[in-house]
Amino acid sequence: MPAPKGNKNAKGNKGGGRPSQYKREFCKIAFRLALLGHTDVEMASSFGVTEKTFREWRAKNVEFFNVLKEGKENADGKVAETLYRRALGFTRVTYKLDENGKRIKHEEHLPPDTTAAIFWLKNRRRADWKDKHDVDFGVNSDIEITVTGKKARDTKGE
């Protein structure tokens, strides 16, 4: 059913309804939020819309979809790189100021992190590093047990 005549919200919108709240400027904001690791639900909340509306924006606006994808891939890549470095161990260089204001180079070696290494391998080499291994002992499970209601007589001492 078309919108009633005189409905200001229906002007310029196919099928009537409220105009979209989406603005092209949202692309920049969405990219930054994706880089910070925000989920779609969190981003929708930041824009003051429902998750459904956010998904509609993503589906209807190619530019919006692409900046979200790029931001999420960049963020995931940085985390993967950091996890990889942590799994192997690395040397961190920092600079401190002494009491005279002179910069002093300080190197700190962080040893490999076992948890990071296991996490990396479980995700990259699932078949080799999974926790659950299926083992077949070759036991036939078709065993039939028959129980009788008769009590066996003790024949000892007779």
N, C-alpha and C. Protein backbone atom coordinates (compact mmCIF):
# COMPACT_ATOMS: atom_id res chain seq x y z
N MET A 1 0.84 -1.17 0.00
CA MET A 1 0.00 0.00 0.00
C MET A 1 0.89 1.24 0.00
N PRO A 2 0.67 2.18 -0.92
CA PRO A 2 1.50 3.38 -0.98
C PRO A 2 1.24 4.29 0.21
N ALA A 3 2.22 5.17 0.44
CA ALA A 3 2.08 6.14 1.54
C ALA A 3 0.96 7.12 1.22
N PRO A 4 0.26 7.60 2.24
CA PRO A 4 -0.82 8.55 2.01
C PRO A 4 -0.31 9.85 1.39
N LYS A 5 -1.15 10.51 0.62
CA LYS A 5 -0.75 11.78 0.00
C LYS A 5 -0.42 12.79 1.08
N GLY A 6 0.62 13.56 0.85
CA GLY A 6 1.03 14.58 1.80
C GLY A 6 2.02 14.07 2.85
N ASN A 7 2.39 12.78 2.79
CA ASN A 7 3.35 12.22 3.75
C ASN A 7 4.74 12.73 3.39
N LYS A 8 5.30 13.63 4.19
CA LYS A 8 6.61 14.22 3.90
C LYS A 8 7.73 13.20 3.98
N ASN A 9 7.60 12.18 4.83
CA ASN A 9 8.64 11.17 4.96
C ASN A 9 8.73 10.28 3.73
N ALA A 10 7.67 10.22 2.93
CA ALA A 10 7.65 9.33 1.78
C ALA A 10 8.29 9.96 0.55
N LYS A 11 8.49 11.27 0.55
CA LYS A 11 9.03 11.94 -0.64
C LYS A 11 10.45 11.46 -0.92
N GLY A 12 10.67 11.05 -2.16
CA GLY A 12 12.02 10.65 -2.60
C GLY A 12 12.41 9.26 -2.17
N ASN A 13 11.58 8.55 -1.47
CA ASN A 13 11.89 7.19 -1.05
C ASN A 13 10.97 6.22 -1.77
N LYS A 14 11.54 5.28 -2.50
CA LYS A 14 10.72 4.28 -3.17
C LYS A 14 9.96 3.50 -2.13
N GLY A 15 8.68 3.38 -2.32
CA GLY A 15 7.86 2.62 -1.38
C GLY A 15 7.55 3.38 -0.11
N GLY A 16 7.96 4.64 -0.02
CA GLY A 16 7.67 5.44 1.16
C GLY A 16 8.61 5.11 2.31
N GLY A 17 8.27 5.57 3.48
CA GLY A 17 9.08 5.28 4.66
C GLY A 17 10.01 6.42 4.99
N ARG A 18 10.67 6.27 6.09
CA ARG A 18 11.59 7.28 6.59
C ARG A 18 12.88 7.28 5.77
N PRO A 19 13.47 8.46 5.53
CA PRO A 19 14.74 8.50 4.81
C PRO A 19 15.84 7.81 5.64
N SER A 20 16.81 7.24 4.95
CA SER A 20 17.91 6.56 5.63
C SER A 20 18.73 7.55 6.44
N GLN A 21 19.22 7.10 7.59
CA GLN A 21 20.08 7.93 8.43
C GLN A 21 21.53 7.86 7.96
N TYR A 22 21.80 6.97 7.00
CA TYR A 22 23.17 6.78 6.52
C TYR A 22 23.71 8.04 5.86
N LYS A 23 24.96 8.37 6.19
CA LYS A 23 25.66 9.49 5.56
C LYS A 23 27.01 8.99 5.09
N ARG A 24 27.49 9.55 4.02
CA ARG A 24 28.76 9.11 3.44
C ARG A 24 29.92 9.29 4.42
N GLU A 25 29.81 10.27 5.31
CA GLU A 25 30.88 10.52 6.30
C GLU A 25 31.06 9.35 7.26
N PHE A 26 30.05 8.48 7.33
CA PHE A 26 30.13 7.34 8.24
C PHE A 26 31.24 6.37 7.84
N CYS A 27 31.65 6.41 6.58
CA CYS A 27 32.71 5.50 6.11
C CYS A 27 33.99 5.69 6.90
N LYS A 28 34.39 6.94 7.09
CA LYS A 28 35.62 7.23 7.83
C LYS A 28 35.53 6.74 9.27
N ILE A 29 34.38 6.98 9.89
CA ILE A 29 34.18 6.58 11.28
C ILE A 29 34.17 5.06 11.39
N ALA A 30 33.46 4.41 10.47
CA ALA A 30 33.36 2.95 10.48
C ALA A 30 34.75 2.32 10.30
N PHE A 31 35.56 2.89 9.43
CA PHE A 31 36.91 2.37 9.21
C PHE A 31 37.72 2.42 10.51
N ARG A 32 37.66 3.54 11.19
CA ARG A 32 38.41 3.70 12.45
C ARG A 32 37.90 2.73 13.52
N LEU A 33 36.59 2.59 13.60
CA LEU A 33 36.02 1.66 14.59
C LEU A 33 36.44 0.22 14.29
N ALA A 34 36.45 -0.14 13.00
CA ALA A 34 36.88 -1.49 12.61
C ALA A 34 38.34 -1.72 12.96
N LEU A 35 39.18 -0.70 12.75
CA LEU A 35 40.59 -0.81 13.11
C LEU A 35 40.78 -1.03 14.61
N LEU A 36 39.87 -0.46 15.40
CA LEU A 36 39.95 -0.62 16.85
C LEU A 36 39.38 -1.95 17.33
N GLY A 37 38.85 -2.74 16.39
CA GLY A 37 38.36 -4.07 16.73
C GLY A 37 36.91 -4.13 17.14
N HIS A 38 36.14 -3.07 16.86
CA HIS A 38 34.72 -3.08 17.21
C HIS A 38 33.96 -4.09 16.35
N THR A 39 32.98 -4.73 16.94
CA THR A 39 32.11 -5.65 16.21
C THR A 39 31.02 -4.84 15.52
N ASP A 40 30.26 -5.48 14.63
CA ASP A 40 29.16 -4.80 13.96
C ASP A 40 28.12 -4.29 14.96
N VAL A 41 27.86 -5.07 16.00
CA VAL A 41 26.89 -4.66 17.03
C VAL A 41 27.38 -3.39 17.73
N GLU A 42 28.65 -3.36 18.08
CA GLU A 42 29.22 -2.17 18.75
C GLU A 42 29.21 -0.96 17.83
N MET A 43 29.53 -1.18 16.55
CA MET A 43 29.51 -0.06 15.60
C MET A 43 28.09 0.46 15.41
N ALA A 44 27.13 -0.43 15.29
CA ALA A 44 25.73 0.00 15.15
C ALA A 44 25.34 0.86 16.34
N SER A 45 25.72 0.45 17.52
CA SER A 45 25.43 1.22 18.73
C SER A 45 26.10 2.59 18.68
N SER A 46 27.32 2.65 18.18
CA SER A 46 28.03 3.92 18.06
C SER A 46 27.30 4.88 17.11
N PHE A 47 26.69 4.33 16.07
CA PHE A 47 25.94 5.15 15.11
C PHE A 47 24.50 5.41 15.58
N GLY A 48 24.11 4.77 16.68
CA GLY A 48 22.77 4.96 17.21
C GLY A 48 21.68 4.28 16.40
N VAL A 49 22.04 3.14 15.77
CA VAL A 49 21.06 2.39 14.98
C VAL A 49 21.08 0.93 15.44
N THR A 50 20.10 0.17 14.98
CA THR A 50 20.06 -1.25 15.31
C THR A 50 21.06 -2.01 14.44
N GLU A 51 21.34 -3.24 14.86
CA GLU A 51 22.25 -4.07 14.07
C GLU A 51 21.66 -4.34 12.69
N LYS A 52 20.34 -4.49 12.62
CA LYS A 52 19.67 -4.74 11.35
C LYS A 52 19.89 -3.56 10.40
N THR A 53 19.72 -2.35 10.89
CA THR A 53 19.93 -1.16 10.06
C THR A 53 21.39 -1.09 9.60
N PHE A 54 22.31 -1.40 10.51
CA PHE A 54 23.73 -1.38 10.17
C PHE A 54 24.03 -2.37 9.06
N ARG A 55 23.45 -3.57 9.16
CA ARG A 55 23.64 -4.59 8.11
C ARG A 55 23.06 -4.13 6.78
N GLU A 56 21.92 -3.41 6.83
CA GLU A 56 21.32 -2.87 5.61
C GLU A 56 22.23 -1.82 4.98
N TRP A 57 22.81 -0.95 5.78
CA TRP A 57 23.76 0.04 5.26
C TRP A 57 24.90 -0.67 4.55
N ARG A 58 25.43 -1.72 5.20
CA ARG A 58 26.56 -2.46 4.64
C ARG A 58 26.17 -3.11 3.31
N ALA A 59 24.95 -3.64 3.23
CA ALA A 59 24.50 -4.32 2.01
C ALA A 59 24.21 -3.35 0.87
N LYS A 60 23.71 -2.16 1.19
CA LYS A 60 23.30 -1.21 0.15
C LYS A 60 24.41 -0.26 -0.29
N ASN A 61 25.44 -0.09 0.51
CA ASN A 61 26.49 0.89 0.21
C ASN A 61 27.83 0.19 0.03
N VAL A 62 28.26 0.07 -1.21
CA VAL A 62 29.49 -0.65 -1.53
C VAL A 62 30.70 -0.02 -0.83
N GLU A 63 30.76 1.30 -0.83
CA GLU A 63 31.89 1.99 -0.19
C GLU A 63 31.94 1.67 1.30
N PHE A 64 30.80 1.70 1.94
CA PHE A 64 30.71 1.39 3.37
C PHE A 64 31.17 -0.04 3.63
N PHE A 65 30.67 -0.98 2.82
CA PHE A 65 31.07 -2.39 2.93
C PHE A 65 32.58 -2.53 2.79
N ASN A 66 33.16 -1.86 1.79
CA ASN A 66 34.60 -2.00 1.54
C ASN A 66 35.46 -1.43 2.66
N VAL A 67 35.07 -0.27 3.23
CA VAL A 67 35.89 0.29 4.30
C VAL A 67 35.79 -0.58 5.56
N LEU A 68 34.62 -1.17 5.80
CA LEU A 68 34.50 -2.08 6.94
C LEU A 68 35.41 -3.30 6.76
N LYS A 69 35.36 -3.86 5.56
CA LYS A 69 36.18 -5.04 5.26
C LYS A 69 37.67 -4.72 5.40
N GLU A 70 38.08 -3.59 4.84
CA GLU A 70 39.49 -3.19 4.90
C GLU A 70 39.93 -2.94 6.35
N GLY A 71 39.11 -2.24 7.11
CA GLY A 71 39.44 -1.96 8.51
C GLY A 71 39.57 -3.22 9.33
N LYS A 72 38.64 -4.16 9.14
CA LYS A 72 38.69 -5.41 9.90
C LYS A 72 39.90 -6.25 9.50
N GLU A 73 40.21 -6.29 8.21
CA GLU A 73 41.38 -7.06 7.75
C GLU A 73 42.67 -6.46 8.29
N ASN A 74 42.76 -5.13 8.30
CA ASN A 74 43.96 -4.47 8.85
C ASN A 74 44.12 -4.79 10.33
N ALA A 75 43.03 -4.69 11.07
CA ALA A 75 43.08 -4.97 12.51
C ALA A 75 43.47 -6.43 12.76
N ASP A 76 42.85 -7.35 12.04
CA ASP A 76 43.16 -8.76 12.21
C ASP A 76 44.61 -9.05 11.84
N GLY A 77 45.11 -8.40 10.81
CA GLY A 77 46.50 -8.58 10.40
C GLY A 77 47.48 -8.12 11.47
N LYS A 78 47.19 -7.00 12.09
CA LYS A 78 48.07 -6.49 13.16
C LYS A 78 48.08 -7.44 14.35
N VAL A 79 46.91 -7.95 14.70
CA VAL A 79 46.84 -8.89 15.82
C VAL A 79 47.59 -10.18 15.48
N ALA A 80 47.40 -10.68 14.27
CA ALA A 80 48.10 -11.90 13.86
C ALA A 80 49.61 -11.70 13.89
N GLU A 81 50.07 -10.55 13.42
CA GLU A 81 51.51 -10.26 13.44
C GLU A 81 52.04 -10.20 14.87
N THR A 82 51.30 -9.57 15.76
CA THR A 82 51.71 -9.45 17.15
C THR A 82 51.72 -10.81 17.83
N LEU A 83 50.69 -11.62 17.58
CA LEU A 83 50.63 -12.96 18.15
C LEU A 83 51.81 -13.80 17.66
N TYR A 84 52.11 -13.69 16.37
CA TYR A 84 53.22 -14.43 15.79
C TYR A 84 54.55 -14.03 16.45
N ARG A 85 54.77 -12.73 16.59
CA ARG A 85 56.01 -12.25 17.25
C ARG A 85 56.08 -12.73 18.69
N ARG A 86 54.95 -12.71 19.38
CA ARG A 86 54.91 -13.14 20.79
C ARG A 86 55.17 -14.63 20.90
N ALA A 87 54.66 -15.41 19.94
CA ALA A 87 54.87 -16.85 19.95
C ALA A 87 56.35 -17.20 19.78
N LEU A 88 57.06 -16.42 18.97
CA LEU A 88 58.48 -16.69 18.71
C LEU A 88 59.41 -16.04 19.72
N GLY A 89 58.92 -14.99 20.38
CA GLY A 89 59.79 -14.21 21.26
C GLY A 89 60.44 -13.11 20.44
N PHE A 90 60.73 -11.98 21.08
CA PHE A 90 61.34 -10.86 20.35
C PHE A 90 62.02 -9.91 21.33
N THR A 91 62.81 -9.03 20.78
CA THR A 91 63.48 -8.01 21.59
C THR A 91 62.77 -6.69 21.38
N ARG A 92 62.40 -6.06 22.47
CA ARG A 92 61.71 -4.78 22.42
C ARG A 92 62.70 -3.69 22.80
N VAL A 93 62.73 -2.63 21.99
CA VAL A 93 63.63 -1.51 22.24
C VAL A 93 62.80 -0.33 22.72
N THR A 94 63.19 0.20 23.86
CA THR A 94 62.55 1.41 24.40
C THR A 94 63.63 2.41 24.76
N TYR A 95 63.24 3.63 24.93
CA TYR A 95 64.18 4.67 25.33
C TYR A 95 63.69 5.32 26.61
N LYS A 96 64.63 5.56 27.51
CA LYS A 96 64.31 6.21 28.78
C LYS A 96 65.20 7.44 28.92
N LEU A 97 64.73 8.36 29.73
CA LEU A 97 65.53 9.56 30.01
C LEU A 97 66.19 9.40 31.36
N ASP A 98 67.50 9.73 31.40
CA ASP A 98 68.16 9.70 32.70
C ASP A 98 67.91 11.02 33.43
N GLU A 99 68.52 11.20 34.60
CA GLU A 99 68.27 12.39 35.41
C GLU A 99 68.72 13.69 34.72
N ASN A 100 69.64 13.59 33.72
CA ASN A 100 70.11 14.77 32.98
C ASN A 100 69.29 15.02 31.70
N GLY A 101 68.30 14.18 31.45
CA GLY A 101 67.48 14.35 30.25
C GLY A 101 68.06 13.68 29.02
N LYS A 102 69.10 12.88 29.20
CA LYS A 102 69.74 12.18 28.07
C LYS A 102 68.98 10.87 27.80
N ARG A 103 68.73 10.60 26.50
CA ARG A 103 68.03 9.37 26.10
C ARG A 103 68.94 8.16 26.23
N ILE A 104 68.42 7.14 26.88
CA ILE A 104 69.18 5.90 27.05
C ILE A 104 68.38 4.78 26.41
N LYS A 105 69.06 4.04 25.54
CA LYS A 105 68.43 2.92 24.85
C LYS A 105 68.36 1.73 25.80
N HIS A 106 67.18 1.09 25.83
CA HIS A 106 66.98 -0.05 26.71
C HIS A 106 66.38 -1.18 25.88
N GLU A 107 67.04 -2.35 25.87
CA GLU A 107 66.54 -3.51 25.15
C GLU A 107 66.04 -4.55 26.14
N GLU A 108 64.86 -5.05 25.87
CA GLU A 108 64.28 -6.08 26.73
C GLU A 108 63.88 -7.25 25.85
N HIS A 109 64.41 -8.43 26.18
CA HIS A 109 64.06 -9.61 25.40
C HIS A 109 62.86 -10.30 26.04
N LEU A 110 61.82 -10.50 25.25
CA LEU A 110 60.65 -11.24 25.70
C LEU A 110 60.75 -12.65 25.13
N PRO A 111 60.82 -13.66 25.99
CA PRO A 111 60.97 -15.03 25.50
C PRO A 111 59.71 -15.50 24.78
N PRO A 112 59.83 -16.59 24.02
CA PRO A 112 58.64 -17.13 23.35
C PRO A 112 57.54 -17.44 24.36
N ASP A 113 56.31 -17.20 23.96
CA ASP A 113 55.15 -17.46 24.81
C ASP A 113 54.49 -18.75 24.35
N THR A 114 54.51 -19.75 25.22
CA THR A 114 53.97 -21.07 24.88
C THR A 114 52.50 -21.00 24.50
N THR A 115 51.72 -20.24 25.25
CA THR A 115 50.29 -20.14 24.98
C THR A 115 50.04 -19.53 23.60
N ALA A 116 50.79 -18.49 23.25
CA ALA A 116 50.63 -17.87 21.94
C ALA A 116 51.01 -18.85 20.83
N ALA A 117 52.08 -19.62 21.05
CA ALA A 117 52.52 -20.60 20.05
C ALA A 117 51.47 -21.69 19.85
N ILE A 118 50.91 -22.19 20.95
CA ILE A 118 49.88 -23.23 20.85
C ILE A 118 48.65 -22.69 20.13
N PHE A 119 48.23 -21.49 20.50
CA PHE A 119 47.06 -20.87 19.87
C PHE A 119 47.28 -20.72 18.37
N TRP A 120 48.46 -20.24 18.00
CA TRP A 120 48.79 -20.06 16.58
C TRP A 120 48.72 -21.40 15.84
N LEU A 121 49.36 -22.42 16.40
CA LEU A 121 49.40 -23.72 15.73
C LEU A 121 48.02 -24.39 15.67
N LYS A 122 47.21 -24.23 16.71
CA LYS A 122 45.87 -24.82 16.70
C LYS A 122 45.01 -24.21 15.60
N ASN A 123 45.27 -22.96 15.28
CA ASN A 123 44.49 -22.31 14.23
C ASN A 123 45.09 -22.50 12.85
N ARG A 124 46.39 -22.57 12.75
CA ARG A 124 47.03 -22.71 11.44
C ARG A 124 47.21 -24.16 11.02
N ARG A 125 47.38 -25.04 11.98
CA ARG A 125 47.60 -26.47 11.70
C ARG A 125 46.60 -27.30 12.50
N ARG A 126 45.32 -27.10 12.21
CA ARG A 126 44.25 -27.72 12.99
C ARG A 126 44.40 -29.24 13.10
N ALA A 127 44.69 -29.90 11.99
CA ALA A 127 44.75 -31.37 11.98
C ALA A 127 45.84 -31.89 12.91
N ASP A 128 46.96 -31.19 12.97
CA ASP A 128 48.09 -31.64 13.78
C ASP A 128 48.01 -31.22 15.25
N TRP A 129 47.29 -30.14 15.55
CA TRP A 129 47.32 -29.56 16.88
C TRP A 129 45.97 -29.50 17.58
N LYS A 130 45.01 -30.26 17.13
CA LYS A 130 43.71 -30.21 17.78
C LYS A 130 43.77 -30.94 19.12
N ASP A 131 42.90 -30.53 20.05
CA ASP A 131 42.87 -31.14 21.38
C ASP A 131 42.25 -32.52 21.38
N LYS A 132 41.23 -32.71 20.58
CA LYS A 132 40.51 -33.98 20.56
C LYS A 132 40.98 -34.81 19.38
N HIS A 133 41.46 -36.00 19.67
CA HIS A 133 41.88 -36.92 18.63
C HIS A 133 40.93 -38.11 18.61
N ASP A 134 40.44 -38.46 17.45
CA ASP A 134 39.54 -39.60 17.31
C ASP A 134 40.37 -40.87 17.21
N VAL A 135 40.15 -41.78 18.16
CA VAL A 135 40.91 -43.03 18.20
C VAL A 135 39.93 -44.19 18.06
N ASP A 136 40.23 -45.11 17.14
CA ASP A 136 39.39 -46.28 16.94
C ASP A 136 40.16 -47.49 17.45
N PHE A 137 39.64 -48.11 18.50
CA PHE A 137 40.31 -49.27 19.08
C PHE A 137 39.91 -50.58 18.41
N GLY A 138 39.01 -50.52 17.46
CA GLY A 138 38.59 -51.72 16.74
C GLY A 138 37.74 -52.66 17.60
N VAL A 139 37.06 -52.14 18.61
CA VAL A 139 36.23 -52.97 19.47
C VAL A 139 34.84 -53.08 18.86
N ASN A 140 34.33 -54.29 18.83
CA ASN A 140 32.99 -54.52 18.30
C ASN A 140 31.98 -54.13 19.38
N SER A 141 31.11 -53.21 19.07
CA SER A 141 30.15 -52.73 20.06
C SER A 141 28.85 -53.53 20.03
N ASP A 142 28.79 -54.58 19.23
CA ASP A 142 27.58 -55.40 19.15
C ASP A 142 27.66 -56.56 20.15
N ILE A 143 27.84 -56.25 21.41
CA ILE A 143 27.93 -57.28 22.45
C ILE A 143 26.55 -57.46 23.06
N GLU A 144 26.13 -58.70 23.16
CA GLU A 144 24.82 -58.98 23.73
C GLU A 144 25.02 -59.61 25.10
N ILE A 145 24.35 -59.05 26.09
CA ILE A 145 24.44 -59.59 27.45
C ILE A 145 23.07 -60.12 27.83
N THR A 146 23.06 -61.37 28.28
CA THR A 146 21.80 -61.99 28.68
C THR A 146 21.84 -62.18 30.19
N VAL A 147 20.81 -61.72 30.85
CA VAL A 147 20.73 -61.88 32.30
C VAL A 147 19.53 -62.75 32.60
N THR A 148 19.73 -63.78 33.41
CA THR A 148 18.61 -64.65 33.78
C THR A 148 18.17 -64.29 35.18
N GLY A 149 16.94 -64.58 35.47
CA GLY A 149 16.40 -64.27 36.79
C GLY A 149 16.68 -65.35 37.81
N LYS A 150 17.32 -66.47 37.44
CA LYS A 150 17.58 -67.57 38.37
C LYS A 150 18.86 -67.31 39.14
N LYS A 151 18.83 -67.67 40.41
CA LYS A 151 20.00 -67.54 41.26
C LYS A 151 20.78 -68.85 41.17
N ALA A 152 22.06 -68.75 40.96
CA ALA A 152 22.88 -69.96 40.86
C ALA A 152 23.03 -70.56 42.26
N ARG A 153 22.99 -71.88 42.31
CA ARG A 153 23.17 -72.59 43.58
C ARG A 153 24.62 -72.76 43.88
N ASP A 154 24.94 -72.59 45.12
CA ASP A 154 26.32 -72.84 45.56
C ASP A 154 26.45 -74.31 45.83
N THR A 155 27.29 -74.97 45.08
CA THR A 155 27.43 -76.43 45.24
C THR A 155 28.60 -76.78 46.12
N LYS A 156 29.25 -75.82 46.70
CA LYS A 156 30.39 -76.12 47.58
C LYS A 156 29.90 -76.80 48.84
N GLY A 157 30.59 -77.70 49.24
CA GLY A 157 30.31 -78.38 50.50
C GLY A 157 29.28 -79.48 50.37
N GLU A 158 28.76 -79.76 49.20
CA GLU A 158 27.78 -80.84 49.07
C GLU A 158 28.45 -82.13 48.77
